[in-house]
């Protein structure tokens, strides 16, 4: 008797062996590995400055500048991430393995860009700008969590592959 039900989903591994090899061989993996924590540190400093301004009214210039720096870091990680995705998966965005992370990244990018546009065109009050920054930051945290979960899944997949096939990846 067959133990699988006809409704058992087929789960595509996050990386094929070829994609994993390209991921491990490209400098863009290292670039992403450096930019991600740098961006997170910038985010934490900026979050403190934005909240300080909203709570006390002090440090408006520092808060505004910090959101601009955070947005520039986001742009850098987005551009290099697109290059990484092209090298690893053959497309700049929306590779199946990272489709939903990329979709949500577009929302994060839109919110950060709306902040810059609002700042440059004077569309919002300083408080309005900071509230928009907080919305962008909330979306960023969700997106960062998506990527961390994906990274964890990749590590678990790699561990499973090593247990099943040995370090060389060849079937045991």
N, C-alpha and C. Protein backbone atom coordinates (compact mmCIF):
# COMPACT_ATOMS: atom_id res chain seq x y z
N UNK A 1 0.85 -1.18 0.00
CA UNK A 1 0.00 0.00 0.00
C UNK A 1 0.89 1.24 0.00
N UNK A 2 0.53 2.21 -0.77
CA UNK A 2 1.28 3.46 -0.92
C UNK A 2 0.91 4.38 0.22
N UNK A 3 1.92 4.91 0.93
CA UNK A 3 1.66 5.72 2.12
C UNK A 3 1.34 7.17 1.81
N UNK A 4 1.72 7.68 0.64
CA UNK A 4 1.43 9.07 0.30
C UNK A 4 0.01 9.22 -0.19
N UNK A 5 -0.62 10.31 0.21
CA UNK A 5 -1.95 10.59 -0.30
C UNK A 5 -1.79 11.35 -1.61
N UNK A 6 -2.81 11.32 -2.45
CA UNK A 6 -2.70 12.05 -3.72
C UNK A 6 -2.64 13.56 -3.53
N UNK A 7 -2.90 14.03 -2.31
CA UNK A 7 -2.91 15.48 -2.05
C UNK A 7 -1.62 15.98 -1.43
N UNK A 8 -0.61 15.14 -1.32
CA UNK A 8 0.66 15.57 -0.76
C UNK A 8 1.32 16.56 -1.72
N UNK A 9 1.56 17.78 -1.25
CA UNK A 9 2.15 18.78 -2.15
C UNK A 9 3.60 18.43 -2.46
N UNK A 10 4.01 18.77 -3.67
CA UNK A 10 5.40 18.61 -4.06
C UNK A 10 6.10 19.91 -3.69
N UNK A 11 7.11 19.81 -2.86
CA UNK A 11 7.82 21.00 -2.40
C UNK A 11 9.11 21.12 -3.20
N UNK A 12 9.22 22.21 -3.94
CA UNK A 12 10.44 22.47 -4.69
C UNK A 12 11.49 22.93 -3.70
N UNK A 13 12.68 22.36 -3.78
CA UNK A 13 13.73 22.85 -2.88
C UNK A 13 14.02 24.32 -3.18
N UNK A 14 14.46 25.03 -2.17
CA UNK A 14 14.74 26.45 -2.33
C UNK A 14 15.77 26.68 -3.42
N UNK A 15 16.82 25.86 -3.42
CA UNK A 15 17.87 25.95 -4.43
C UNK A 15 18.07 24.58 -5.06
N UNK A 16 18.19 24.57 -6.36
CA UNK A 16 18.66 23.35 -7.03
C UNK A 16 20.16 23.26 -6.75
N UNK A 17 20.78 22.12 -6.98
CA UNK A 17 22.24 22.04 -6.79
C UNK A 17 22.99 23.09 -7.62
N UNK A 18 22.53 23.35 -8.83
CA UNK A 18 23.19 24.35 -9.68
C UNK A 18 23.01 25.76 -9.12
N UNK A 19 21.81 26.06 -8.64
CA UNK A 19 21.56 27.38 -8.05
C UNK A 19 22.39 27.57 -6.79
N UNK A 20 22.48 26.52 -5.97
CA UNK A 20 23.29 26.61 -4.76
C UNK A 20 24.75 26.86 -5.11
N UNK A 21 25.23 26.19 -6.15
CA UNK A 21 26.61 26.38 -6.58
C UNK A 21 26.83 27.82 -7.05
N UNK A 22 25.88 28.36 -7.84
CA UNK A 22 26.00 29.76 -8.29
C UNK A 22 25.91 30.72 -7.10
N UNK A 23 25.01 30.42 -6.16
CA UNK A 23 24.88 31.26 -4.96
C UNK A 23 26.20 31.30 -4.19
N UNK A 24 26.81 30.15 -4.00
CA UNK A 24 28.04 30.07 -3.22
C UNK A 24 29.24 30.66 -3.95
N UNK A 25 29.18 30.71 -5.28
CA UNK A 25 30.32 31.17 -6.08
C UNK A 25 30.31 32.67 -6.35
N UNK A 26 29.17 33.33 -6.22
CA UNK A 26 29.09 34.74 -6.59
C UNK A 26 29.46 35.67 -5.43
N UNK A 27 30.15 36.74 -5.75
CA UNK A 27 30.50 37.75 -4.77
C UNK A 27 29.25 38.45 -4.25
N UNK A 28 28.16 38.42 -5.01
CA UNK A 28 26.94 39.12 -4.61
C UNK A 28 26.31 38.49 -3.37
N UNK A 29 26.60 37.23 -3.09
CA UNK A 29 26.12 36.62 -1.85
C UNK A 29 26.80 37.29 -0.66
N UNK A 30 28.10 37.52 -0.77
CA UNK A 30 28.83 38.21 0.29
C UNK A 30 28.33 39.65 0.43
N UNK A 31 28.12 40.32 -0.70
CA UNK A 31 27.63 41.70 -0.67
C UNK A 31 26.30 41.76 0.08
N UNK A 32 25.39 40.85 -0.22
CA UNK A 32 24.11 40.81 0.47
C UNK A 32 24.30 40.50 1.95
N UNK A 33 25.23 39.61 2.25
CA UNK A 33 25.49 39.24 3.63
C UNK A 33 26.08 40.38 4.46
N UNK A 34 26.75 41.31 3.81
CA UNK A 34 27.29 42.49 4.49
C UNK A 34 26.24 43.59 4.56
N UNK A 35 25.57 43.85 3.44
CA UNK A 35 24.60 44.95 3.41
C UNK A 35 23.39 44.73 4.33
N UNK A 36 22.93 43.50 4.44
CA UNK A 36 21.74 43.24 5.25
C UNK A 36 21.92 43.66 6.71
N UNK A 37 22.98 43.22 7.39
CA UNK A 37 23.13 43.68 8.78
C UNK A 37 23.47 45.17 8.90
N UNK A 38 24.19 45.71 7.92
CA UNK A 38 24.47 47.15 7.94
C UNK A 38 23.16 47.92 7.84
N UNK A 39 22.30 47.51 6.91
CA UNK A 39 21.01 48.17 6.78
C UNK A 39 20.20 48.05 8.06
N UNK A 40 20.27 46.88 8.71
CA UNK A 40 19.52 46.68 9.94
C UNK A 40 20.03 47.60 11.05
N UNK A 41 21.33 47.78 11.15
CA UNK A 41 21.89 48.70 12.15
C UNK A 41 21.46 50.14 11.87
N UNK A 42 21.49 50.51 10.58
CA UNK A 42 21.01 51.86 10.20
C UNK A 42 19.55 52.02 10.59
N UNK A 43 18.76 50.99 10.34
CA UNK A 43 17.34 50.99 10.70
C UNK A 43 17.17 51.22 12.20
N UNK A 44 17.92 50.48 13.02
CA UNK A 44 17.77 50.61 14.48
C UNK A 44 18.09 52.03 14.95
N UNK A 45 19.18 52.59 14.45
CA UNK A 45 19.55 53.98 14.83
C UNK A 45 18.46 54.94 14.37
N UNK A 46 18.02 54.77 13.14
CA UNK A 46 16.99 55.65 12.60
C UNK A 46 15.68 55.52 13.37
N UNK A 47 15.31 54.31 13.71
CA UNK A 47 14.08 54.10 14.47
C UNK A 47 14.12 54.86 15.79
N UNK A 48 15.25 54.79 16.47
CA UNK A 48 15.39 55.52 17.73
C UNK A 48 15.26 57.03 17.48
N UNK A 49 15.90 57.53 16.43
CA UNK A 49 15.84 58.97 16.14
C UNK A 49 14.42 59.41 15.75
N UNK A 50 13.74 58.59 14.96
CA UNK A 50 12.37 58.92 14.56
C UNK A 50 11.45 58.92 15.78
N UNK A 51 11.55 57.89 16.61
CA UNK A 51 10.70 57.82 17.81
C UNK A 51 11.02 58.97 18.77
N UNK A 52 12.29 59.30 18.90
CA UNK A 52 12.69 60.43 19.76
C UNK A 52 12.02 61.72 19.26
N UNK A 53 12.07 61.95 17.96
CA UNK A 53 11.44 63.16 17.43
C UNK A 53 9.93 63.15 17.68
N UNK A 54 9.29 62.02 17.41
CA UNK A 54 7.84 61.94 17.61
C UNK A 54 7.44 62.12 19.07
N UNK A 55 8.25 61.62 19.98
CA UNK A 55 7.92 61.70 21.40
C UNK A 55 8.30 63.03 22.04
N UNK A 56 9.39 63.64 21.56
CA UNK A 56 9.88 64.85 22.24
C UNK A 56 9.88 66.09 21.34
N UNK A 57 9.80 65.90 20.04
CA UNK A 57 9.90 67.03 19.13
C UNK A 57 11.34 67.44 18.87
N UNK A 58 12.29 66.74 19.46
CA UNK A 58 13.71 67.07 19.32
C UNK A 58 14.36 66.20 18.25
N UNK A 59 15.39 66.77 17.60
CA UNK A 59 16.18 66.00 16.67
C UNK A 59 15.53 65.76 15.31
N UNK A 60 14.73 66.73 14.87
CA UNK A 60 14.04 66.57 13.58
C UNK A 60 15.03 66.34 12.44
N UNK A 61 16.07 67.15 12.36
CA UNK A 61 17.05 67.02 11.27
C UNK A 61 17.74 65.67 11.27
N UNK A 62 18.12 65.21 12.44
CA UNK A 62 18.78 63.91 12.55
C UNK A 62 17.83 62.79 12.15
N UNK A 63 16.58 62.90 12.56
CA UNK A 63 15.59 61.87 12.21
C UNK A 63 15.37 61.83 10.71
N UNK A 64 15.20 62.99 10.10
CA UNK A 64 14.99 63.06 8.65
C UNK A 64 16.19 62.49 7.91
N UNK A 65 17.38 62.92 8.31
CA UNK A 65 18.60 62.43 7.64
C UNK A 65 18.75 60.92 7.80
N UNK A 66 18.40 60.40 8.96
CA UNK A 66 18.54 58.96 9.19
C UNK A 66 17.61 58.15 8.30
N UNK A 67 16.42 58.66 8.04
CA UNK A 67 15.50 57.95 7.15
C UNK A 67 16.03 58.00 5.71
N UNK A 68 16.61 59.11 5.32
CA UNK A 68 17.21 59.20 3.99
C UNK A 68 18.34 58.19 3.86
N UNK A 69 19.21 58.11 4.86
CA UNK A 69 20.31 57.15 4.83
C UNK A 69 19.76 55.72 4.79
N UNK A 70 18.75 55.44 5.59
CA UNK A 70 18.13 54.10 5.58
C UNK A 70 17.57 53.78 4.20
N UNK A 71 16.95 54.76 3.56
CA UNK A 71 16.38 54.54 2.23
C UNK A 71 17.48 54.29 1.21
N UNK A 72 18.57 55.02 1.29
CA UNK A 72 19.69 54.78 0.37
C UNK A 72 20.28 53.39 0.58
N UNK A 73 20.36 52.94 1.84
CA UNK A 73 20.84 51.58 2.12
C UNK A 73 19.86 50.55 1.52
N UNK A 74 18.57 50.83 1.63
CA UNK A 74 17.58 49.94 1.03
C UNK A 74 17.76 49.87 -0.48
N UNK A 75 17.94 51.01 -1.13
CA UNK A 75 18.16 51.01 -2.57
C UNK A 75 19.39 50.18 -2.93
N UNK A 76 20.46 50.33 -2.16
CA UNK A 76 21.69 49.57 -2.43
C UNK A 76 21.45 48.07 -2.31
N UNK A 77 20.74 47.66 -1.26
CA UNK A 77 20.50 46.22 -1.09
C UNK A 77 19.52 45.70 -2.13
N UNK A 78 18.60 46.54 -2.58
CA UNK A 78 17.66 46.11 -3.61
C UNK A 78 18.37 45.91 -4.95
N UNK A 79 19.20 46.86 -5.33
CA UNK A 79 19.92 46.76 -6.61
C UNK A 79 20.85 45.55 -6.60
N UNK A 80 21.65 45.43 -5.54
CA UNK A 80 22.58 44.30 -5.48
C UNK A 80 21.83 42.98 -5.33
N UNK A 81 20.68 43.01 -4.66
CA UNK A 81 19.86 41.81 -4.54
C UNK A 81 19.30 41.36 -5.89
N UNK A 82 18.94 42.32 -6.72
CA UNK A 82 18.48 41.99 -8.08
C UNK A 82 19.59 41.34 -8.89
N UNK A 83 20.80 41.87 -8.74
CA UNK A 83 21.95 41.29 -9.45
C UNK A 83 22.20 39.87 -8.93
N UNK A 84 22.15 39.69 -7.61
CA UNK A 84 22.32 38.36 -7.00
C UNK A 84 21.29 37.39 -7.54
N UNK A 85 20.03 37.83 -7.59
CA UNK A 85 18.95 36.96 -8.06
C UNK A 85 19.16 36.59 -9.52
N UNK A 86 19.65 37.51 -10.33
CA UNK A 86 19.94 37.23 -11.74
C UNK A 86 21.04 36.18 -11.86
N UNK A 87 22.10 36.33 -11.08
CA UNK A 87 23.21 35.38 -11.14
C UNK A 87 22.75 34.00 -10.68
N UNK A 88 22.00 33.93 -9.60
CA UNK A 88 21.62 32.65 -9.01
C UNK A 88 20.46 31.99 -9.76
N UNK A 89 19.42 32.77 -10.09
CA UNK A 89 18.19 32.20 -10.63
C UNK A 89 17.92 32.56 -12.09
N UNK A 90 18.73 33.46 -12.68
CA UNK A 90 18.55 33.80 -14.08
C UNK A 90 17.52 34.88 -14.34
N UNK A 91 17.04 35.55 -13.29
CA UNK A 91 16.11 36.67 -13.46
C UNK A 91 16.35 37.68 -12.35
N UNK A 92 16.10 38.94 -12.69
CA UNK A 92 16.40 40.02 -11.74
C UNK A 92 15.44 40.09 -10.56
N UNK A 93 14.23 39.71 -10.76
CA UNK A 93 13.22 39.75 -9.70
C UNK A 93 12.21 38.64 -9.90
N UNK A 94 11.54 38.31 -8.83
CA UNK A 94 10.41 37.38 -8.84
C UNK A 94 10.78 35.96 -9.27
N UNK A 95 11.99 35.53 -8.93
CA UNK A 95 12.33 34.11 -9.10
C UNK A 95 11.39 33.33 -8.18
N UNK A 96 10.93 32.18 -8.62
CA UNK A 96 9.96 31.44 -7.80
C UNK A 96 10.38 31.25 -6.34
N UNK A 97 11.64 31.01 -6.08
CA UNK A 97 12.10 30.77 -4.71
C UNK A 97 11.94 32.01 -3.82
N UNK A 98 11.95 33.19 -4.40
CA UNK A 98 11.86 34.43 -3.62
C UNK A 98 10.71 35.32 -4.09
N UNK A 99 9.71 34.74 -4.72
CA UNK A 99 8.63 35.52 -5.32
C UNK A 99 7.94 36.43 -4.29
N UNK A 100 7.46 35.87 -3.19
CA UNK A 100 6.69 36.66 -2.24
C UNK A 100 7.56 37.64 -1.47
N UNK A 101 8.81 37.30 -1.24
CA UNK A 101 9.73 38.26 -0.63
C UNK A 101 9.94 39.45 -1.56
N UNK A 102 10.07 39.17 -2.86
CA UNK A 102 10.23 40.26 -3.83
C UNK A 102 8.98 41.11 -3.94
N UNK A 103 7.82 40.47 -3.92
CA UNK A 103 6.56 41.23 -3.97
C UNK A 103 6.49 42.19 -2.79
N UNK A 104 6.77 41.69 -1.60
CA UNK A 104 6.69 42.55 -0.42
C UNK A 104 7.81 43.59 -0.43
N UNK A 105 8.96 43.24 -1.00
CA UNK A 105 10.05 44.22 -1.13
C UNK A 105 9.60 45.42 -1.95
N UNK A 106 8.75 45.19 -2.93
CA UNK A 106 8.25 46.31 -3.74
C UNK A 106 7.43 47.27 -2.89
N UNK A 107 6.65 46.73 -1.94
CA UNK A 107 5.88 47.59 -1.03
C UNK A 107 6.82 48.37 -0.12
N UNK A 108 7.85 47.71 0.38
CA UNK A 108 8.84 48.38 1.23
C UNK A 108 9.51 49.51 0.45
N UNK A 109 9.91 49.20 -0.77
CA UNK A 109 10.55 50.19 -1.63
C UNK A 109 9.60 51.36 -1.91
N UNK A 110 8.34 51.07 -2.17
CA UNK A 110 7.36 52.13 -2.45
C UNK A 110 7.18 53.05 -1.24
N UNK A 111 7.10 52.48 -0.06
CA UNK A 111 6.92 53.31 1.14
C UNK A 111 8.15 54.18 1.41
N UNK A 112 9.34 53.60 1.27
CA UNK A 112 10.55 54.40 1.47
C UNK A 112 10.66 55.50 0.39
N UNK A 113 10.32 55.15 -0.83
CA UNK A 113 10.36 56.15 -1.91
C UNK A 113 9.32 57.24 -1.70
N UNK A 114 8.15 56.86 -1.19
CA UNK A 114 7.13 57.86 -0.89
C UNK A 114 7.62 58.84 0.18
N UNK A 115 8.41 58.33 1.12
CA UNK A 115 9.01 59.21 2.12
C UNK A 115 9.91 60.25 1.45
N UNK A 116 10.81 59.77 0.59
CA UNK A 116 11.72 60.72 -0.09
C UNK A 116 10.96 61.74 -0.92
N UNK A 117 9.98 61.25 -1.67
CA UNK A 117 9.18 62.14 -2.51
C UNK A 117 8.45 63.18 -1.65
N UNK A 118 7.85 62.72 -0.57
CA UNK A 118 7.14 63.63 0.33
C UNK A 118 8.08 64.64 0.97
N UNK A 119 9.27 64.19 1.32
CA UNK A 119 10.26 65.09 1.90
C UNK A 119 10.67 66.17 0.89
N UNK A 120 11.03 65.73 -0.31
CA UNK A 120 11.53 66.67 -1.32
C UNK A 120 10.46 67.62 -1.84
N UNK A 121 9.21 67.16 -1.89
CA UNK A 121 8.14 68.02 -2.39
C UNK A 121 7.39 68.75 -1.27
N UNK A 122 7.75 68.48 -0.04
CA UNK A 122 7.09 69.14 1.09
C UNK A 122 5.63 68.75 1.23
N UNK A 123 5.32 67.49 0.94
CA UNK A 123 3.92 67.05 0.95
C UNK A 123 3.37 66.75 2.33
N UNK A 124 4.25 66.50 3.29
CA UNK A 124 3.80 66.13 4.64
C UNK A 124 4.48 67.00 5.68
N UNK A 125 3.83 67.11 6.82
CA UNK A 125 4.44 67.79 7.97
C UNK A 125 5.58 66.91 8.49
N UNK A 126 6.43 67.45 9.31
CA UNK A 126 7.49 66.61 9.90
C UNK A 126 6.93 65.38 10.62
N UNK A 127 5.83 65.55 11.35
CA UNK A 127 5.21 64.41 12.02
C UNK A 127 4.67 63.41 11.00
N UNK A 128 4.06 63.91 9.94
CA UNK A 128 3.55 63.04 8.88
C UNK A 128 4.66 62.25 8.22
N UNK A 129 5.80 62.92 8.00
CA UNK A 129 6.97 62.23 7.43
C UNK A 129 7.43 61.09 8.34
N UNK A 130 7.47 61.37 9.63
CA UNK A 130 7.95 60.36 10.58
C UNK A 130 6.96 59.20 10.69
N UNK A 131 5.67 59.49 10.58
CA UNK A 131 4.68 58.40 10.60
C UNK A 131 4.80 57.55 9.32
N UNK A 132 5.06 58.20 8.20
CA UNK A 132 5.30 57.46 6.96
C UNK A 132 6.56 56.61 7.10
N UNK A 133 7.60 57.16 7.71
CA UNK A 133 8.83 56.39 7.94
C UNK A 133 8.53 55.17 8.81
N UNK A 134 7.71 55.33 9.84
CA UNK A 134 7.37 54.19 10.68
C UNK A 134 6.60 53.12 9.90
N UNK A 135 5.72 53.54 9.01
CA UNK A 135 5.01 52.57 8.16
C UNK A 135 6.01 51.83 7.26
N UNK A 136 6.95 52.58 6.69
CA UNK A 136 7.98 51.95 5.86
C UNK A 136 8.82 50.99 6.68
N UNK A 137 9.13 51.37 7.91
CA UNK A 137 9.95 50.53 8.77
C UNK A 137 9.19 49.26 9.20
N UNK A 138 7.90 49.39 9.45
CA UNK A 138 7.11 48.20 9.79
C UNK A 138 7.13 47.22 8.62
N UNK A 139 6.95 47.73 7.42
CA UNK A 139 7.00 46.86 6.23
C UNK A 139 8.39 46.25 6.08
N UNK A 140 9.42 47.03 6.35
CA UNK A 140 10.80 46.54 6.27
C UNK A 140 11.02 45.38 7.25
N UNK A 141 10.53 45.51 8.47
CA UNK A 141 10.70 44.45 9.47
C UNK A 141 10.02 43.17 9.01
N UNK A 142 8.83 43.28 8.46
CA UNK A 142 8.12 42.10 7.94
C UNK A 142 8.94 41.47 6.82
N UNK A 143 9.44 42.29 5.90
CA UNK A 143 10.21 41.80 4.77
C UNK A 143 11.52 41.16 5.24
N UNK A 144 12.18 41.78 6.20
CA UNK A 144 13.41 41.20 6.75
C UNK A 144 13.12 39.85 7.38
N UNK A 145 11.99 39.73 8.08
CA UNK A 145 11.62 38.44 8.67
C UNK A 145 11.39 37.39 7.57
N UNK A 146 10.76 37.80 6.46
CA UNK A 146 10.58 36.87 5.34
C UNK A 146 11.92 36.32 4.87
N UNK A 147 12.88 37.21 4.69
CA UNK A 147 14.19 36.79 4.20
C UNK A 147 14.93 35.94 5.23
N UNK A 148 14.80 36.26 6.51
CA UNK A 148 15.44 35.45 7.54
C UNK A 148 14.85 34.04 7.58
N UNK A 149 13.55 33.95 7.42
CA UNK A 149 12.91 32.64 7.37
C UNK A 149 13.38 31.85 6.14
N UNK A 150 13.55 32.55 5.03
CA UNK A 150 14.04 31.90 3.80
C UNK A 150 15.48 31.43 3.99
N UNK A 151 16.30 32.25 4.63
CA UNK A 151 17.68 31.87 4.91
C UNK A 151 17.72 30.63 5.80
N UNK A 152 16.88 30.61 6.81
CA UNK A 152 16.79 29.44 7.69
C UNK A 152 16.37 28.21 6.90
N UNK A 153 15.38 28.36 6.02
CA UNK A 153 14.93 27.23 5.19
C UNK A 153 16.06 26.72 4.31
N UNK A 154 16.85 27.64 3.77
CA UNK A 154 17.98 27.25 2.92
C UNK A 154 19.01 26.46 3.72
N UNK A 155 19.28 26.90 4.93
CA UNK A 155 20.24 26.18 5.78
C UNK A 155 19.72 24.80 6.15
N UNK A 156 18.44 24.72 6.48
CA UNK A 156 17.86 23.41 6.80
C UNK A 156 17.89 22.48 5.59
N UNK A 157 17.59 23.03 4.41
CA UNK A 157 17.63 22.22 3.19
C UNK A 157 19.05 21.72 2.94
N UNK A 158 20.02 22.59 3.13
CA UNK A 158 21.40 22.20 2.89
C UNK A 158 21.82 21.12 3.90
N UNK A 159 21.41 21.25 5.15
CA UNK A 159 21.72 20.23 6.16
C UNK A 159 21.08 18.90 5.80
N UNK A 160 19.82 18.95 5.36
CA UNK A 160 19.13 17.72 4.94
C UNK A 160 19.84 17.08 3.76
N UNK A 161 20.26 17.90 2.80
CA UNK A 161 20.96 17.38 1.61
C UNK A 161 22.28 16.72 2.00
N UNK A 162 23.00 17.34 2.94
CA UNK A 162 24.28 16.78 3.37
C UNK A 162 24.05 15.45 4.08
N UNK A 163 23.02 15.38 4.94
CA UNK A 163 22.71 14.12 5.62
C UNK A 163 22.31 13.04 4.63
N UNK A 164 21.56 13.41 3.60
CA UNK A 164 21.06 12.42 2.64
C UNK A 164 22.10 12.02 1.60
N UNK A 165 22.94 12.97 1.20
CA UNK A 165 23.83 12.71 0.07
C UNK A 165 25.31 12.89 0.38
N UNK A 166 25.63 13.30 1.58
CA UNK A 166 27.03 13.53 1.91
C UNK A 166 27.44 14.94 1.50
N UNK A 167 28.62 15.37 1.91
CA UNK A 167 29.06 16.75 1.62
C UNK A 167 29.22 17.05 0.14
N UNK A 168 29.45 16.03 -0.67
CA UNK A 168 29.66 16.27 -2.11
C UNK A 168 28.34 16.47 -2.85
N UNK A 169 27.23 16.09 -2.21
CA UNK A 169 25.93 16.22 -2.87
C UNK A 169 25.55 15.01 -3.71
N UNK A 170 26.47 14.07 -3.85
CA UNK A 170 26.18 12.87 -4.64
C UNK A 170 25.33 11.91 -3.80
N UNK A 171 24.44 11.22 -4.44
CA UNK A 171 23.59 10.27 -3.74
C UNK A 171 24.44 9.20 -3.08
N UNK A 172 24.13 8.92 -1.81
CA UNK A 172 24.92 7.93 -1.05
C UNK A 172 24.59 6.52 -1.45
